[in-house]
């Protein structure tokens, strides 16, 4: 059954109302299906911290640079870091860039010493300067042989962003805007906000509605430092559905092909997790990433075979995963509303 424009709008509106009910903080829900688009909630140009959805941008930047020959997917991380930086190995295996994008580096979730430093901090990553991160990296033990197992790592994704920006001789913000945002016409997706965008950044809140401070991911911006809007992320989602310049479409194909099987159902790709699409029929898969910072939650989910995608940005730390994935499934199959699971922020 094909969802008509009015029905798509009704589904998006119902999800936005569900997420707004009884909670403090702005929420915007957007969806695309074929050529149709629907957005509901706060003003569409409202900015949010998008947390770990940033990792999808970092991985796509890796694919872009690899296609130009500036880096290799199998290039050791140590070759992109400053002289003197020590990168841990295990069983003689070095961490490669693709390992960082797929969370198979063996690195722990957080930098050395960050758990204790950030335990009572409202801005836990702020002290993660390049010097602090690289110094701690040399004292870090790997959880597994690089390439052998899936261990979700904010440290690994942050190091990837730092390393790519250094190889491209720029900063992370400029790297993402140049390689991804400008080609797609995404004008509001960036790490550092000017006064106009700062004014459009909605305040974050805890689950109980308490105001929460903004996060600064410092040298680990590639793990979760971007801000964005629903219209911008819908442009990014449409690119994942094939609506992008040729060079970006080729890079997206690289991120899909760079993968590691997590279990019988789930596969991690460069910047994404995929699983069978509920009620999707044989071979149909869902690609998604969620995000979370001190006062925000987010979800970006794409069903390429159904040419459908959902974006949710919320200024409250209650998860948006289940409502968002139910919405995506209903767009393609309105009579079903299954439960869903997230990647972990």
Protein backbone atom coordinates (compact mmCIF):
# COMPACT_ATOMS: atom_id res chain seq x y z
CA UNK A 1 0.00 0.00 0.00
CA UNK A 2 1.38 3.41 -0.94
CA UNK A 3 1.01 6.12 1.66
CA UNK A 4 -0.74 9.20 0.33
CA UNK A 5 0.59 12.63 1.18
CA UNK A 6 -2.15 13.31 3.73
CA UNK A 7 -1.60 9.94 5.38
CA UNK A 8 2.16 10.55 5.64
CA UNK A 9 1.49 13.91 7.26
CA UNK A 10 -0.95 12.29 9.70
CA UNK A 11 1.60 9.66 10.72
CA UNK A 12 4.32 12.27 11.25
CA UNK A 13 1.98 14.52 13.20
CA UNK A 14 0.86 11.64 15.44
CA UNK A 15 4.47 10.73 16.22
CA UNK A 16 5.38 14.33 17.04
CA UNK A 17 2.37 14.62 19.34
CA UNK A 18 3.29 11.35 21.05
CA UNK A 19 6.84 12.55 21.70
CA UNK A 20 5.70 15.98 22.94
CA UNK A 21 3.07 14.70 25.32
CA UNK A 22 4.00 15.41 28.94
CA UNK A 23 7.62 16.34 28.17
CA UNK A 24 9.57 19.57 28.23
CA UNK A 25 11.71 20.43 25.24
CA UNK A 26 11.14 20.98 21.54
CA UNK A 27 10.68 18.06 19.16
CA UNK A 28 10.60 17.92 15.35
CA UNK A 29 9.67 14.82 13.35
CA UNK A 30 10.25 14.47 9.63
CA UNK A 31 9.73 11.69 7.09
CA UNK A 32 10.13 11.09 3.38
CA UNK A 33 8.47 8.49 1.18
CA UNK A 34 9.23 8.48 -2.53
CA UNK A 35 8.90 12.15 -3.52
CA UNK A 36 6.79 13.13 -0.50
CA UNK A 37 7.98 14.91 2.63
CA UNK A 38 6.26 15.72 5.92
CA UNK A 39 7.58 17.64 8.93
CA UNK A 40 5.76 18.38 12.19
CA UNK A 41 6.59 19.81 15.61
CA UNK A 42 8.65 22.87 16.47
CA UNK A 43 9.77 25.27 13.73
CA UNK A 44 11.65 23.27 11.06
CA UNK A 45 14.73 25.50 11.34
CA UNK A 46 15.12 24.68 15.04
CA UNK A 47 18.62 23.40 15.74
CA UNK A 48 19.48 20.46 18.01
CA UNK A 49 22.58 18.61 19.09
CA UNK A 50 22.42 15.38 17.05
CA UNK A 51 24.92 13.36 19.08
CA UNK A 52 26.10 10.12 17.53
CA UNK A 53 24.34 10.64 14.20
CA UNK A 54 27.54 12.65 13.66
CA UNK A 55 29.31 9.30 13.20
CA UNK A 56 27.44 8.74 9.93
CA UNK A 57 28.93 12.00 8.63
CA UNK A 58 32.42 11.10 9.83
CA UNK A 59 32.27 7.73 8.09
CA UNK A 60 30.99 9.29 4.86
CA UNK A 61 33.87 11.77 4.95
CA UNK A 62 36.23 8.78 5.22
CA UNK A 63 34.63 7.25 2.14
CA UNK A 64 34.89 10.53 0.23
CA UNK A 65 38.59 10.96 1.02
CA UNK A 66 39.32 7.32 0.21
CA UNK A 67 37.78 7.63 -3.25
CA UNK A 68 40.06 10.59 -3.95
CA UNK A 69 43.09 8.64 -2.77
CA UNK A 70 43.79 10.94 0.16
CA UNK A 71 43.41 8.04 2.62
CA UNK A 72 42.92 4.27 2.43
CA UNK A 73 40.26 2.34 4.31
CA UNK A 74 42.95 -0.10 5.44
CA UNK A 75 45.44 2.64 6.33
CA UNK A 76 46.75 2.36 9.91
CA UNK A 77 45.50 5.11 12.21
CA UNK A 78 49.05 5.84 13.38
CA UNK A 79 49.94 7.15 9.91
CA UNK A 80 47.44 10.01 10.27
CA UNK A 81 48.39 11.10 13.78
CA UNK A 82 51.21 13.42 14.86
CA UNK A 83 54.74 12.08 15.17
CA UNK A 84 55.23 10.54 18.58
CA UNK A 85 51.59 9.50 19.05
CA UNK A 86 51.33 5.90 20.23
CA UNK A 87 48.46 3.75 18.94
CA UNK A 88 47.83 0.45 20.73
CA UNK A 89 47.97 -2.85 18.86
CA UNK A 90 46.96 -6.37 19.78
CA UNK A 91 48.50 -9.59 18.51
CA UNK A 92 50.53 -7.53 16.08
CA UNK A 93 47.41 -6.10 14.37
CA UNK A 94 47.19 -2.32 13.86
CA UNK A 95 44.01 -0.24 14.05
CA UNK A 96 42.91 0.76 10.54
CA UNK A 97 40.58 3.59 9.53
CA UNK A 98 37.77 1.22 8.54
CA UNK A 99 37.96 -0.36 11.99
CA UNK A 100 37.22 3.03 13.55
CA UNK A 101 34.23 3.60 11.26
CA UNK A 102 32.76 0.16 12.04
CA UNK A 103 33.59 0.04 15.78
CA UNK A 104 35.87 -2.96 15.30
CA UNK A 105 39.09 -1.25 16.47
CA UNK A 106 38.96 -2.86 19.90
CA UNK A 107 39.16 0.57 21.52
CA UNK A 108 37.01 1.14 24.63
CA UNK A 109 33.93 3.33 24.51
CA UNK A 110 35.57 6.31 26.24
CA UNK A 111 39.06 7.83 26.39
CA UNK A 112 41.42 6.79 29.16
CA UNK A 113 40.36 8.36 32.48
CA UNK A 114 37.25 10.04 31.09
CA UNK A 115 34.73 8.02 33.10
CA UNK A 116 36.01 9.40 36.39
CA UNK A 117 36.58 12.93 35.01
CA UNK A 118 33.12 13.14 33.48
CA UNK A 119 31.12 11.26 36.12
CA UNK A 120 29.77 14.42 37.73
CA UNK A 121 30.32 16.84 34.84
CA UNK A 122 27.56 18.54 32.88
CA UNK A 123 29.94 18.68 29.89
CA UNK A 124 31.88 15.40 30.13
CA UNK A 125 33.89 15.61 26.88
CA UNK A 126 35.03 19.22 27.25
CA UNK A 127 38.45 18.23 28.62
CA UNK A 128 39.12 15.85 25.71
CA UNK A 129 41.64 18.04 23.92
CA UNK A 130 43.87 16.52 21.27
CA UNK A 131 46.77 16.34 23.71
CA UNK A 132 44.69 14.63 26.41
CA UNK A 133 43.17 12.13 23.95
CA UNK A 134 46.46 11.18 22.29
CA UNK A 135 48.29 10.93 25.59
CA UNK A 136 45.61 8.59 26.92
CA UNK A 137 45.57 6.58 23.68
CA UNK A 138 49.13 5.45 24.29
CA UNK A 139 48.08 3.99 27.65
CA UNK A 140 44.93 2.28 26.35
CA UNK A 141 44.50 -1.49 26.11
CA UNK A 142 42.39 -2.92 23.27
CA UNK A 143 39.40 -5.08 24.10
CA UNK A 144 39.92 -7.28 21.05
CA UNK A 145 42.17 -7.72 18.04
CA UNK A 146 41.45 -4.90 15.54
CA UNK A 147 38.92 -6.07 12.97
CA UNK A 148 37.82 -9.08 15.02
CA UNK A 149 34.87 -7.85 17.08
CA UNK A 150 32.28 -5.09 17.49
CA UNK A 151 32.79 -2.75 20.46
CA UNK A 152 30.94 0.56 20.16
CA UNK A 153 33.50 3.33 20.70
CA UNK A 154 33.04 7.07 20.91
CA UNK A 155 36.81 7.27 21.28
CA UNK A 156 37.34 5.45 17.98
CA UNK A 157 34.87 7.59 16.03
CA UNK A 158 36.33 10.76 17.53
CA UNK A 159 39.84 9.69 16.58
CA UNK A 160 38.65 9.04 13.03
CA UNK A 161 37.31 12.58 12.73
CA UNK A 162 40.48 14.03 14.21
CA UNK A 163 42.71 11.95 11.89
CA UNK A 164 40.74 12.73 8.72
CA UNK A 165 40.77 16.47 9.41
CA UNK A 166 44.52 16.35 10.01
CA UNK A 167 45.16 14.48 6.75
CA UNK A 168 42.93 16.95 4.86
CA UNK A 169 44.81 19.84 6.54
CA UNK A 170 41.64 21.40 7.94
CA UNK A 171 39.39 21.23 10.99
CA UNK A 172 36.54 18.76 11.49
CA UNK A 173 33.80 21.35 10.96
CA UNK A 174 35.23 22.48 7.62
CA UNK A 175 35.82 18.88 6.53
CA UNK A 176 32.16 17.93 7.00
CA UNK A 177 30.79 21.10 5.44
CA UNK A 178 33.08 20.76 2.42
CA UNK A 179 32.73 17.04 1.77
CA UNK A 180 29.05 16.52 2.62
CA UNK A 181 26.96 19.54 3.56
CA UNK A 182 27.72 21.88 0.66
CA UNK A 183 27.15 19.25 -2.06
CA UNK A 184 23.79 18.38 -0.47
CA UNK A 185 22.70 21.96 0.26
CA UNK A 186 22.73 21.40 4.02
CA UNK A 187 23.21 24.88 5.43
CA UNK A 188 22.58 24.27 9.14
CA UNK A 189 24.68 21.19 9.88
CA UNK A 190 27.88 22.14 11.64
CA UNK A 191 29.83 21.88 14.84
CA UNK A 192 30.40 25.56 15.67
CA UNK A 193 27.35 27.84 15.59
CA UNK A 194 27.31 31.50 14.64
CA UNK A 195 25.04 33.91 16.58
CA UNK A 196 22.04 33.33 14.30
CA UNK A 197 22.24 29.55 14.64
CA UNK A 198 22.97 29.78 18.35
CA UNK A 199 19.68 31.67 18.71
CA UNK A 200 17.91 28.82 16.88
CA UNK A 201 19.46 26.11 19.08
CA UNK A 202 16.67 24.92 21.35
CA UNK A 203 17.62 24.27 25.00
CA UNK A 204 18.09 20.65 26.04
CA UNK A 205 16.34 18.95 28.95
CA UNK A 206 16.65 15.86 31.13
CA UNK A 207 13.96 13.16 31.22
CA UNK A 208 12.35 15.01 34.10
CA UNK A 209 12.39 18.36 32.31
CA UNK A 210 15.41 19.95 33.98
CA UNK A 211 17.50 22.25 31.74
CA UNK A 212 20.75 20.65 30.59
CA UNK A 213 23.95 22.28 29.41
CA UNK A 214 25.31 22.06 25.88
CA UNK A 215 28.06 19.57 25.19
CA UNK A 216 31.46 20.35 23.68
CA UNK A 217 33.13 17.20 22.33
CA UNK A 218 36.44 19.02 21.82
CA UNK A 219 38.90 16.82 19.86
CA UNK A 220 36.31 14.02 19.65
CA UNK A 221 33.80 16.04 17.61
CA UNK A 222 33.68 13.25 15.01
CA UNK A 223 31.89 11.06 17.55
CA UNK A 224 28.97 13.40 18.24
CA UNK A 225 29.73 17.09 17.93
CA UNK A 226 27.41 18.23 15.13
CA UNK A 227 24.22 20.30 15.32
CA UNK A 228 21.51 20.07 12.68
CA UNK A 229 17.86 20.52 11.75
CA UNK A 230 15.26 18.04 10.51
CA UNK A 231 15.19 19.52 6.95
CA UNK A 232 18.98 19.21 6.71
CA UNK A 233 18.92 15.61 7.92
CA UNK A 234 16.12 14.77 5.51
CA UNK A 235 18.45 15.95 2.73
CA UNK A 236 21.08 13.61 4.13
CA UNK A 237 18.49 10.81 4.28
CA UNK A 238 17.47 11.39 0.65
CA UNK A 239 21.14 11.11 -0.29
CA UNK A 240 21.08 7.65 1.32
CA UNK A 241 18.13 6.85 -0.95
CA UNK A 242 20.12 7.74 -4.06
CA UNK A 243 19.28 11.43 -4.43
CA UNK A 244 22.80 12.84 -4.33
CA UNK A 245 25.57 13.97 -6.69
CA UNK A 246 27.44 11.06 -8.24
CA UNK A 247 30.54 11.45 -6.10
CA UNK A 248 28.48 11.28 -2.90
CA UNK A 249 26.43 8.34 -4.18
CA UNK A 250 29.67 6.46 -4.81
CA UNK A 251 30.91 7.29 -1.31
CA UNK A 252 27.64 6.13 0.25
CA UNK A 253 28.08 2.81 -1.57
CA UNK A 254 31.50 2.51 0.06
CA UNK A 255 30.01 3.01 3.54
CA UNK A 256 27.42 0.30 2.87
CA UNK A 257 30.03 -2.14 1.58
CA UNK A 258 32.37 -1.55 4.54
CA UNK A 259 30.76 -3.84 7.08
CA UNK A 260 31.15 -6.31 9.94
CA UNK A 261 28.54 -8.86 11.01
CA UNK A 262 27.52 -8.31 14.64
CA UNK A 263 25.12 -11.24 15.00
CA UNK A 264 22.65 -13.24 12.93
CA UNK A 265 20.45 -10.18 12.36
CA UNK A 266 22.56 -7.05 12.75
CA UNK A 267 25.47 -5.74 10.69
CA UNK A 268 27.57 -2.69 11.44
CA UNK A 269 28.56 -0.59 8.42
CA UNK A 270 30.79 2.46 8.24
CA UNK A 271 28.65 4.93 10.17
CA UNK A 272 25.49 2.82 10.37
CA UNK A 273 23.86 -0.24 11.88
CA UNK A 274 21.57 -2.35 9.72
CA UNK A 275 19.01 -5.02 10.53
CA UNK A 276 16.12 -6.70 8.70
CA UNK A 277 13.26 -4.28 8.16
CA UNK A 278 10.21 -5.50 10.12
CA UNK A 279 7.54 -6.70 7.70
CA UNK A 280 9.90 -5.75 4.89
CA UNK A 281 9.98 -9.00 3.02
CA UNK A 282 13.05 -10.96 2.03
CA UNK A 283 16.23 -8.91 1.72
CA UNK A 284 14.89 -5.53 2.84
CA UNK A 285 17.03 -3.85 5.48
CA UNK A 286 16.86 -0.85 7.77
CA UNK A 287 19.92 1.41 8.15
CA UNK A 288 19.93 3.62 11.21
CA UNK A 289 21.83 5.55 13.85
CA UNK A 290 20.61 7.28 16.95
CA UNK A 291 22.22 9.94 19.11
CA UNK A 292 22.21 11.35 22.58
CA UNK A 293 23.95 14.18 24.42
CA UNK A 294 23.28 15.75 27.82
CA UNK A 295 19.89 17.20 26.86
CA UNK A 296 19.00 15.77 23.44
CA UNK A 297 18.00 12.56 21.64
CA UNK A 298 17.92 11.89 17.91
CA UNK A 299 17.21 9.21 15.32
CA UNK A 300 17.95 8.87 11.60
CA UNK A 301 16.53 5.72 9.99
CA UNK A 302 16.44 4.79 6.30
CA UNK A 303 14.66 1.96 4.46
CA UNK A 304 16.20 2.10 0.94
CA UNK A 305 13.98 -0.59 -0.60
CA UNK A 306 10.88 1.32 0.47
CA UNK A 307 12.39 4.69 -0.40
CA UNK A 308 11.43 5.90 3.04
CA UNK A 309 13.27 7.62 5.89
CA UNK A 310 12.52 9.14 9.29
CA UNK A 311 14.34 11.85 11.25
CA UNK A 312 13.51 12.77 14.85
CA UNK A 313 15.23 15.49 16.89
CA UNK A 314 14.20 16.02 20.50
CA UNK A 315 15.44 18.39 23.21
CA UNK A 316 14.73 15.84 25.92
CA UNK A 317 16.72 12.76 26.92
CA UNK A 318 13.82 10.32 26.63
CA UNK A 319 14.63 7.91 23.79
CA UNK A 320 12.92 8.53 20.45
CA UNK A 321 13.97 5.18 18.91
CA UNK A 322 10.81 3.12 19.25
CA UNK A 323 8.38 5.82 18.05
CA UNK A 324 10.69 6.66 15.16
CA UNK A 325 11.17 3.11 13.93
CA UNK A 326 7.47 2.38 14.32
CA UNK A 327 6.80 5.42 12.14
CA UNK A 328 9.21 4.21 9.47
CA UNK A 329 7.63 0.76 9.42
CA UNK A 330 4.13 2.20 9.17
CA UNK A 331 5.12 4.38 6.22
CA UNK A 332 5.92 1.27 4.24
CA UNK A 333 3.33 -0.98 5.84
CA UNK A 334 0.68 1.07 7.67
CA UNK A 335 -1.00 -1.89 9.34
CA UNK A 336 2.04 -2.84 11.44
CA UNK A 337 3.74 -1.15 14.39
CA UNK A 338 6.58 -3.33 15.73
CA UNK A 339 8.95 -2.58 18.57
CA UNK A 340 12.48 -1.41 17.80
CA UNK A 341 15.97 -1.36 19.28
CA UNK A 342 18.62 1.38 19.19
CA UNK A 343 22.34 1.36 18.52
CA UNK A 344 23.32 3.00 21.77
CA UNK A 345 24.23 6.68 21.74
